[in-house]
Amino acid sequence: MLKIATAALFLLAGGASAFAQAPAPEAPKAELPALPVSSDCTFTKASVCDKDKGCNAAKELGEIDLPAHFLVHFGERVLVSVDDNGVPHLSTIYAVSGAGPQLTLQGTDGLVGWIMQISRADNDATLTSVVDDTIITAFGTCKLGH
Protein backbone atom coordinates (compact mmCIF):
# COMPACT_ATOMS: atom_id res chain seq x y z
CA MET A 1 0.00 0.00 0.00
CA LEU A 2 2.86 2.38 0.85
CA LYS A 3 4.45 1.77 -2.56
CA ILE A 4 1.21 2.70 -4.37
CA ALA A 5 0.79 5.88 -2.30
CA THR A 6 4.44 6.85 -2.88
CA ALA A 7 4.08 6.28 -6.63
CA ALA A 8 0.90 8.40 -6.70
CA LEU A 9 2.63 11.25 -4.84
CA PHE A 10 5.60 11.00 -7.22
CA LEU A 11 3.29 11.38 -10.22
CA LEU A 12 1.34 14.24 -8.64
CA ALA A 13 4.56 16.04 -7.74
CA GLY A 14 5.69 16.10 -11.36
CA GLY A 15 7.72 12.92 -11.44
CA ALA A 16 5.86 11.93 -14.59
CA SER A 17 7.38 14.83 -16.53
CA ALA A 18 10.14 12.54 -17.75
CA PHE A 19 7.46 10.48 -19.49
CA ALA A 20 5.77 13.55 -21.00
CA GLN A 21 9.02 14.82 -22.54
CA ALA A 22 9.42 11.89 -24.92
CA PRO A 23 8.42 13.11 -28.39
CA ALA A 24 5.35 11.47 -29.83
CA PRO A 25 5.83 9.77 -33.19
CA GLU A 26 4.43 11.80 -36.06
CA ALA A 27 1.63 10.33 -38.10
CA PRO A 28 2.41 10.01 -41.80
CA LYS A 29 0.98 12.92 -43.75
CA ALA A 30 -0.90 12.05 -46.91
CA GLU A 31 -0.28 14.29 -49.88
CA LEU A 32 -3.41 16.13 -50.97
CA PRO A 33 -4.19 16.35 -54.64
CA ALA A 34 -3.94 19.84 -56.09
CA LEU A 35 -6.89 21.76 -54.67
CA PRO A 36 -9.00 24.15 -56.71
CA VAL A 37 -9.30 27.73 -55.51
CA SER A 38 -13.00 27.29 -54.80
CA SER A 39 -16.00 25.06 -55.21
CA ASP A 40 -19.65 26.02 -55.70
CA CYS A 41 -21.92 23.57 -53.84
CA THR A 42 -25.69 23.11 -53.96
CA PHE A 43 -27.50 20.85 -51.50
CA THR A 44 -30.98 19.76 -52.56
CA LYS A 45 -31.92 17.03 -50.08
CA ALA A 46 -31.56 17.01 -46.28
CA SER A 47 -32.54 14.97 -43.25
CA VAL A 48 -32.70 15.99 -39.60
CA CYS A 49 -32.13 13.37 -36.92
CA ASP A 50 -33.09 14.02 -33.31
CA LYS A 51 -32.31 11.57 -30.51
CA ASP A 52 -35.95 11.54 -29.37
CA LYS A 53 -37.83 12.11 -32.66
CA GLY A 54 -35.73 9.99 -35.03
CA CYS A 55 -34.89 11.11 -38.60
CA ASN A 56 -37.11 13.02 -40.99
CA ALA A 57 -36.79 14.77 -44.32
CA ALA A 58 -36.06 18.49 -44.00
CA LYS A 59 -37.00 21.46 -46.18
CA GLU A 60 -34.07 23.53 -44.98
CA LEU A 61 -30.45 23.13 -44.03
CA GLY A 62 -30.21 24.86 -40.68
CA GLU A 63 -31.53 28.35 -41.45
CA ILE A 64 -31.20 28.07 -45.23
CA ASP A 65 -34.09 26.89 -47.42
CA LEU A 66 -33.31 24.10 -49.88
CA PRO A 67 -31.73 24.25 -52.33
CA ALA A 68 -28.92 25.57 -50.12
CA HIS A 69 -25.88 27.13 -51.79
CA PHE A 70 -22.37 27.24 -50.35
CA LEU A 71 -19.00 28.43 -51.58
CA VAL A 72 -15.98 26.45 -50.42
CA HIS A 73 -12.90 28.66 -50.72
CA PHE A 74 -9.89 26.41 -50.22
CA GLY A 75 -7.38 29.27 -50.39
CA GLU A 76 -9.06 31.26 -47.60
CA ARG A 77 -10.11 28.05 -45.76
CA VAL A 78 -13.74 29.15 -45.40
CA LEU A 79 -17.19 27.76 -46.10
CA VAL A 80 -19.48 30.64 -47.11
CA SER A 81 -23.28 30.68 -47.10
CA VAL A 82 -26.06 33.24 -47.19
CA ASP A 83 -29.14 32.86 -44.98
CA ASP A 84 -32.71 33.44 -46.20
CA ASN A 85 -32.45 37.12 -45.24
CA GLY A 86 -29.38 37.61 -47.45
CA VAL A 87 -26.92 37.78 -44.54
CA PRO A 88 -23.59 36.13 -45.44
CA HIS A 89 -21.97 33.69 -43.05
CA LEU A 90 -18.39 32.38 -42.91
CA SER A 91 -17.31 29.15 -41.24
CA THR A 92 -13.63 28.26 -40.90
CA ILE A 93 -12.30 25.07 -42.48
CA TYR A 94 -9.91 23.60 -39.92
CA ALA A 95 -8.85 20.46 -41.78
CA VAL A 96 -8.77 19.19 -45.35
CA SER A 97 -7.81 15.63 -46.19
CA GLY A 98 -8.03 13.48 -49.26
CA ALA A 99 -8.08 9.81 -50.19
CA GLY A 100 -8.57 8.76 -53.78
CA PRO A 101 -11.17 11.02 -55.38
CA GLN A 102 -12.63 12.10 -52.00
CA LEU A 103 -11.93 15.42 -50.32
CA THR A 104 -12.99 15.74 -46.69
CA LEU A 105 -13.32 19.12 -44.97
CA GLN A 106 -13.91 19.62 -41.26
CA GLY A 107 -14.80 22.62 -39.18
CA THR A 108 -16.71 24.06 -36.28
CA ASP A 109 -19.00 27.04 -36.16
CA GLY A 110 -19.80 28.09 -32.62
CA LEU A 111 -21.30 25.01 -31.00
CA VAL A 112 -21.84 23.27 -34.35
CA GLY A 113 -19.37 20.72 -35.68
CA TRP A 114 -19.48 19.90 -39.39
CA ILE A 115 -17.87 17.71 -42.02
CA MET A 116 -18.21 17.91 -45.80
CA GLN A 117 -17.12 15.29 -48.27
CA ILE A 118 -16.78 16.08 -51.98
CA SER A 119 -16.15 13.50 -54.68
CA ARG A 120 -13.78 14.69 -57.36
CA ALA A 121 -14.93 11.76 -59.53
CA ASP A 122 -18.65 12.63 -59.81
CA ASN A 123 -19.02 15.95 -57.90
CA ASP A 124 -21.38 14.40 -55.33
CA ALA A 125 -21.22 16.07 -51.93
CA THR A 126 -22.43 15.36 -48.41
CA LEU A 127 -22.56 17.87 -45.56
CA THR A 128 -23.23 16.75 -42.00
CA SER A 129 -23.50 19.02 -38.98
CA VAL A 130 -23.95 18.12 -35.33
CA VAL A 131 -25.26 20.27 -32.50
CA ASP A 132 -26.66 19.20 -29.14
CA ASP A 133 -28.75 16.08 -29.83
CA THR A 134 -29.43 16.88 -33.50
CA ILE A 135 -27.71 15.79 -36.71
CA ILE A 136 -28.42 17.35 -40.10
CA THR A 137 -27.18 15.61 -43.23
CA ALA A 138 -27.53 17.12 -46.70
CA PHE A 139 -26.82 15.71 -50.15
CA GLY A 140 -25.94 17.63 -53.27
CA THR A 141 -23.18 18.43 -55.72
CA CYS A 142 -20.11 20.65 -55.88
CA LYS A 143 -18.62 22.15 -59.02
CA LEU A 144 -14.89 22.25 -58.39
CA GLY A 145 -13.36 25.47 -59.73
CA HIS A 146 -9.86 26.05 -61.01
C-alpha atoms as a PDB file:
ATOM      1  CA  MET A   1       0.000   0.000   0.000  1.00  0.00           C
ATOM      2  CA  LEU A   2       2.861   2.376   0.854  1.00  0.00           C
ATOM      3  CA  LYS A   3       4.452   1.766  -2.564  1.00  0.00           C
ATOM      4  CA  ILE A   4       1.213   2.701  -4.371  1.00  0.00           C
ATOM      5  CA  ALA A   5       0.792   5.884  -2.296  1.00  0.00           C
ATOM      6  CA  THR A   6       4.443   6.850  -2.880  1.00  0.00           C
ATOM      7  CA  ALA A   7       4.077   6.279  -6.634  1.00  0.00           C
ATOM      8  CA  ALA A   8       0.902   8.402  -6.702  1.00  0.00           C
ATOM      9  CA  LEU A   9       2.633  11.250  -4.844  1.00  0.00           C
ATOM     10  CA  PHE A  10       5.600  10.998  -7.219  1.00  0.00           C
ATOM     11  CA  LEU A  11       3.289  11.381 -10.218  1.00  0.00           C
ATOM     12  CA  LEU A  12       1.343  14.242  -8.643  1.00  0.00           C
ATOM     13  CA  ALA A  13       4.564  16.044  -7.742  1.00  0.00           C
ATOM     14  CA  GLY A  14       5.687  16.096 -11.356  1.00  0.00           C
ATOM     15  CA  GLY A  15       7.720  12.922 -11.438  1.00  0.00           C
ATOM     16  CA  ALA A  16       5.863  11.926 -14.590  1.00  0.00           C
ATOM     17  CA  SER A  17       7.383  14.829 -16.529  1.00  0.00           C
ATOM     18  CA  ALA A  18      10.141  12.542 -17.753  1.00  0.00           C
ATOM     19  CA  PHE A  19       7.459  10.483 -19.487  1.00  0.00           C
ATOM     20  CA  ALA A  20       5.772  13.555 -21.000  1.00  0.00           C
ATOM     21  CA  GLN A  21       9.021  14.824 -22.539  1.00  0.00           C
ATOM     22  CA  ALA A  22       9.424  11.889 -24.919  1.00  0.00           C
ATOM     23  CA  PRO A  23       8.425  13.110 -28.391  1.00  0.00           C
ATOM     24  CA  ALA A  24       5.348  11.465 -29.833  1.00  0.00           C
ATOM     25  CA  PRO A  25       5.831   9.774 -33.188  1.00  0.00           C
ATOM     26  CA  GLU A  26       4.433  11.802 -36.058  1.00  0.00           C
ATOM     27  CA  ALA A  27       1.629  10.327 -38.102  1.00  0.00           C
ATOM     28  CA  PRO A  28       2.414  10.009 -41.799  1.00  0.00           C
ATOM     29  CA  LYS A  29       0.980  12.920 -43.751  1.00  0.00           C
ATOM     30  CA  ALA A  30      -0.899  12.053 -46.912  1.00  0.00           C
ATOM     31  CA  GLU A  31      -0.283  14.294 -49.878  1.00  0.00           C
ATOM     32  CA  LEU A  32      -3.406  16.125 -50.966  1.00  0.00           C
ATOM     33  CA  PRO A  33      -4.194  16.349 -54.635  1.00  0.00           C
ATOM     34  CA  ALA A  34      -3.943  19.840 -56.086  1.00  0.00           C
ATOM     35  CA  LEU A  35      -6.892  21.755 -54.666  1.00  0.00           C
ATOM     36  CA  PRO A  36      -8.996  24.149 -56.707  1.00  0.00           C
ATOM     37  CA  VAL A  37      -9.303  27.727 -55.513  1.00  0.00           C
ATOM     38  CA  SER A  38     -12.997  27.290 -54.801  1.00  0.00           C
ATOM     39  CA  SER A  39     -16.001  25.057 -55.209  1.00  0.00           C
ATOM     40  CA  ASP A  40     -19.652  26.024 -55.703  1.00  0.00           C
ATOM     41  CA  CYS A  41     -21.923  23.572 -53.838  1.00  0.00           C
ATOM     42  CA  THR A  42     -25.691  23.114 -53.959  1.00  0.00           C
ATOM     43  CA  PHE A  43     -27.500  20.853 -51.495  1.00  0.00           C
ATOM     44  CA  THR A  44     -30.982  19.762 -52.563  1.00  0.00           C
ATOM     45  CA  LYS A  45     -31.918  17.032 -50.080  1.00  0.00           C
ATOM     46  CA  ALA A  46     -31.565  17.007 -46.282  1.00  0.00           C
ATOM     47  CA  SER A  47     -32.540  14.966 -43.251  1.00  0.00           C
ATOM     48  CA  VAL A  48     -32.704  15.988 -39.599  1.00  0.00           C
ATOM     49  CA  CYS A  49     -32.135  13.367 -36.920  1.00  0.00           C
ATOM     50  CA  ASP A  50     -33.089  14.025 -33.309  1.00  0.00           C
ATOM     51  CA  LYS A  51     -32.306  11.570 -30.510  1.00  0.00           C
ATOM     52  CA  ASP A  52     -35.955  11.544 -29.370  1.00  0.00           C
ATOM     53  CA  LYS A  53     -37.835  12.105 -32.658  1.00  0.00           C
ATOM     54  CA  GLY A  54     -35.725   9.993 -35.030  1.00  0.00           C
ATOM     55  CA  CYS A  55     -34.887  11.105 -38.596  1.00  0.00           C
ATOM     56  CA  ASN A  56     -37.114  13.018 -40.989  1.00  0.00           C
ATOM     57  CA  ALA A  57     -36.789  14.773 -44.324  1.00  0.00           C
ATOM     58  CA  ALA A  58     -36.065  18.493 -44.002  1.00  0.00           C
ATOM     59  CA  LYS A  59     -36.998  21.460 -46.183  1.00  0.00           C
ATOM     60  CA  GLU A  60     -34.066  23.530 -44.977  1.00  0.00           C
ATOM     61  CA  LEU A  61     -30.449  23.132 -44.032  1.00  0.00           C
ATOM     62  CA  GLY A  62     -30.212  24.863 -40.682  1.00  0.00           C
ATOM     63  CA  GLU A  63     -31.535  28.348 -41.447  1.00  0.00           C
ATOM     64  CA  ILE A  64     -31.199  28.066 -45.234  1.00  0.00           C
ATOM     65  CA  ASP A  65     -34.089  26.887 -47.416  1.00  0.00           C
ATOM     66  CA  LEU A  66     -33.313  24.099 -49.878  1.00  0.00           C
ATOM     67  CA  PRO A  67     -31.734  24.252 -52.332  1.00  0.00           C
ATOM     68  CA  ALA A  68     -28.917  25.567 -50.118  1.00  0.00           C
ATOM     69  CA  HIS A  69     -25.885  27.134 -51.794  1.00  0.00           C
ATOM     70  CA  PHE A  70     -22.366  27.239 -50.350  1.00  0.00           C
ATOM     71  CA  LEU A  71     -19.001  28.425 -51.581  1.00  0.00           C
ATOM     72  CA  VAL A  72     -15.984  26.448 -50.424  1.00  0.00           C
ATOM     73  CA  HIS A  73     -12.905  28.662 -50.718  1.00  0.00           C
ATOM     74  CA  PHE A  74      -9.890  26.413 -50.218  1.00  0.00           C
ATOM     75  CA  GLY A  75      -7.377  29.272 -50.386  1.00  0.00           C
ATOM     76  CA  GLU A  76      -9.063  31.255 -47.602  1.00  0.00           C
ATOM     77  CA  ARG A  77     -10.114  28.052 -45.763  1.00  0.00           C
ATOM     78  CA  VAL A  78     -13.744  29.149 -45.396  1.00  0.00           C
ATOM     79  CA  LEU A  79     -17.187  27.759 -46.099  1.00  0.00           C
ATOM     80  CA  VAL A  80     -19.478  30.642 -47.112  1.00  0.00           C
ATOM     81  CA  SER A  81     -23.277  30.679 -47.098  1.00  0.00           C
ATOM     82  CA  VAL A  82     -26.061  33.242 -47.195  1.00  0.00           C
ATOM     83  CA  ASP A  83     -29.137  32.859 -44.982  1.00  0.00           C
ATOM     84  CA  ASP A  84     -32.712  33.437 -46.196  1.00  0.00           C
ATOM     85  CA  ASN A  85     -32.446  37.124 -45.236  1.00  0.00           C
ATOM     86  CA  GLY A  86     -29.383  37.607 -47.448  1.00  0.00           C
ATOM     87  CA  VAL A  87     -26.920  37.778 -44.544  1.00  0.00           C
ATOM     88  CA  PRO A  88     -23.589  36.130 -45.437  1.00  0.00           C
ATOM     89  CA  HIS A  89     -21.965  33.694 -43.049  1.00  0.00           C
ATOM     90  CA  LEU A  90     -18.387  32.380 -42.908  1.00  0.00           C
ATOM     91  CA  SER A  91     -17.313  29.152 -41.243  1.00  0.00           C
ATOM     92  CA  THR A  92     -13.626  28.261 -40.897  1.00  0.00           C
ATOM     93  CA  ILE A  93     -12.302  25.074 -42.475  1.00  0.00           C
ATOM     94  CA  TYR A  94      -9.908  23.601 -39.919  1.00  0.00           C
ATOM     95  CA  ALA A  95      -8.848  20.465 -41.777  1.00  0.00           C
ATOM     96  CA  VAL A  96      -8.765  19.188 -45.345  1.00  0.00           C
ATOM     97  CA  SER A  97      -7.809  15.630 -46.193  1.00  0.00           C
ATOM     98  CA  GLY A  98      -8.026  13.477 -49.259  1.00  0.00           C
ATOM     99  CA  ALA A  99      -8.084   9.808 -50.193  1.00  0.00           C
ATOM    100  CA  GLY A 100      -8.575   8.760 -53.783  1.00  0.00           C
ATOM    101  CA  PRO A 101     -11.171  11.018 -55.385  1.00  0.00           C
ATOM    102  CA  GLN A 102     -12.634  12.098 -52.004  1.00  0.00           C
ATOM    103  CA  LEU A 103     -11.933  15.423 -50.324  1.00  0.00           C
ATOM    104  CA  THR A 104     -12.989  15.738 -46.689  1.00  0.00           C
ATOM    105  CA  LEU A 105     -13.317  19.124 -44.972  1.00  0.00           C
ATOM    106  CA  GLN A 106     -13.910  19.621 -41.257  1.00  0.00           C
ATOM    107  CA  GLY A 107     -14.796  22.622 -39.177  1.00  0.00           C
ATOM    108  CA  THR A 108     -16.711  24.058 -36.278  1.00  0.00           C
ATOM    109  CA  ASP A 109     -18.998  27.036 -36.156  1.00  0.00           C
ATOM    110  CA  GLY A 110     -19.795  28.092 -32.622  1.00  0.00           C
ATOM    111  CA  LEU A 111     -21.296  25.009 -31.004  1.00  0.00           C
ATOM    112  CA  VAL A 112     -21.845  23.266 -34.353  1.00  0.00           C
ATOM    113  CA  GLY A 113     -19.367  20.724 -35.684  1.00  0.00           C
ATOM    114  CA  TRP A 114     -19.481  19.902 -39.386  1.00  0.00           C
ATOM    115  CA  ILE A 115     -17.874  17.710 -42.015  1.00  0.00           C
ATOM    116  CA  MET A 116     -18.212  17.909 -45.798  1.00  0.00           C
ATOM    117  CA  GLN A 117     -17.116  15.294 -48.275  1.00  0.00           C
ATOM    118  CA  ILE A 118     -16.775  16.084 -51.975  1.00  0.00           C
ATOM    119  CA  SER A 119     -16.152  13.495 -54.679  1.00  0.00           C
ATOM    120  CA  ARG A 120     -13.780  14.689 -57.365  1.00  0.00           C
ATOM    121  CA  ALA A 121     -14.935  11.762 -59.528  1.00  0.00           C
ATOM    122  CA  ASP A 122     -18.647  12.626 -59.809  1.00  0.00           C
ATOM    123  CA  ASN A 123     -19.018  15.949 -57.903  1.00  0.00           C
ATOM    124  CA  ASP A 124     -21.384  14.397 -55.330  1.00  0.00           C
ATOM    125  CA  ALA A 125     -21.218  16.073 -51.927  1.00  0.00           C
ATOM    126  CA  THR A 126     -22.431  15.355 -48.411  1.00  0.00           C
ATOM    127  CA  LEU A 127     -22.556  17.872 -45.564  1.00  0.00           C
ATOM    128  CA  THR A 128     -23.227  16.749 -41.995  1.00  0.00           C
ATOM    129  CA  SER A 129     -23.496  19.021 -38.980  1.00  0.00           C
ATOM    130  CA  VAL A 130     -23.946  18.120 -35.327  1.00  0.00           C
ATOM    131  CA  VAL A 131     -25.263  20.270 -32.500  1.00  0.00           C
ATOM    132  CA  ASP A 132     -26.663  19.197 -29.138  1.00  0.00           C
ATOM    133  CA  ASP A 133     -28.753  16.081 -29.831  1.00  0.00           C
ATOM    134  CA  THR A 134     -29.425  16.881 -33.498  1.00  0.00           C
ATOM    135  CA  ILE A 135     -27.706  15.786 -36.709  1.00  0.00           C
ATOM    136  CA  ILE A 136     -28.421  17.349 -40.105  1.00  0.00           C
ATOM    137  CA  THR A 137     -27.176  15.611 -43.233  1.00  0.00           C
ATOM    138  CA  ALA A 138     -27.526  17.116 -46.698  1.00  0.00           C
ATOM    139  CA  PHE A 139     -26.821  15.710 -50.150  1.00  0.00           C
ATOM    140  CA  GLY A 140     -25.944  17.632 -53.272  1.00  0.00           C
ATOM    141  CA  THR A 141     -23.177  18.430 -55.725  1.00  0.00           C
ATOM    142  CA  CYS A 142     -20.115  20.648 -55.877  1.00  0.00           C
ATOM    143  CA  LYS A 143     -18.617  22.152 -59.019  1.00  0.00           C
ATOM    144  CA  LEU A 144     -14.892  22.254 -58.392  1.00  0.00           C
ATOM    145  CA  GLY A 145     -13.363  25.475 -59.732  1.00  0.00           C
ATOM    146  CA  HIS A 146      -9.864  26.053 -61.011  1.00  0.00           C
END
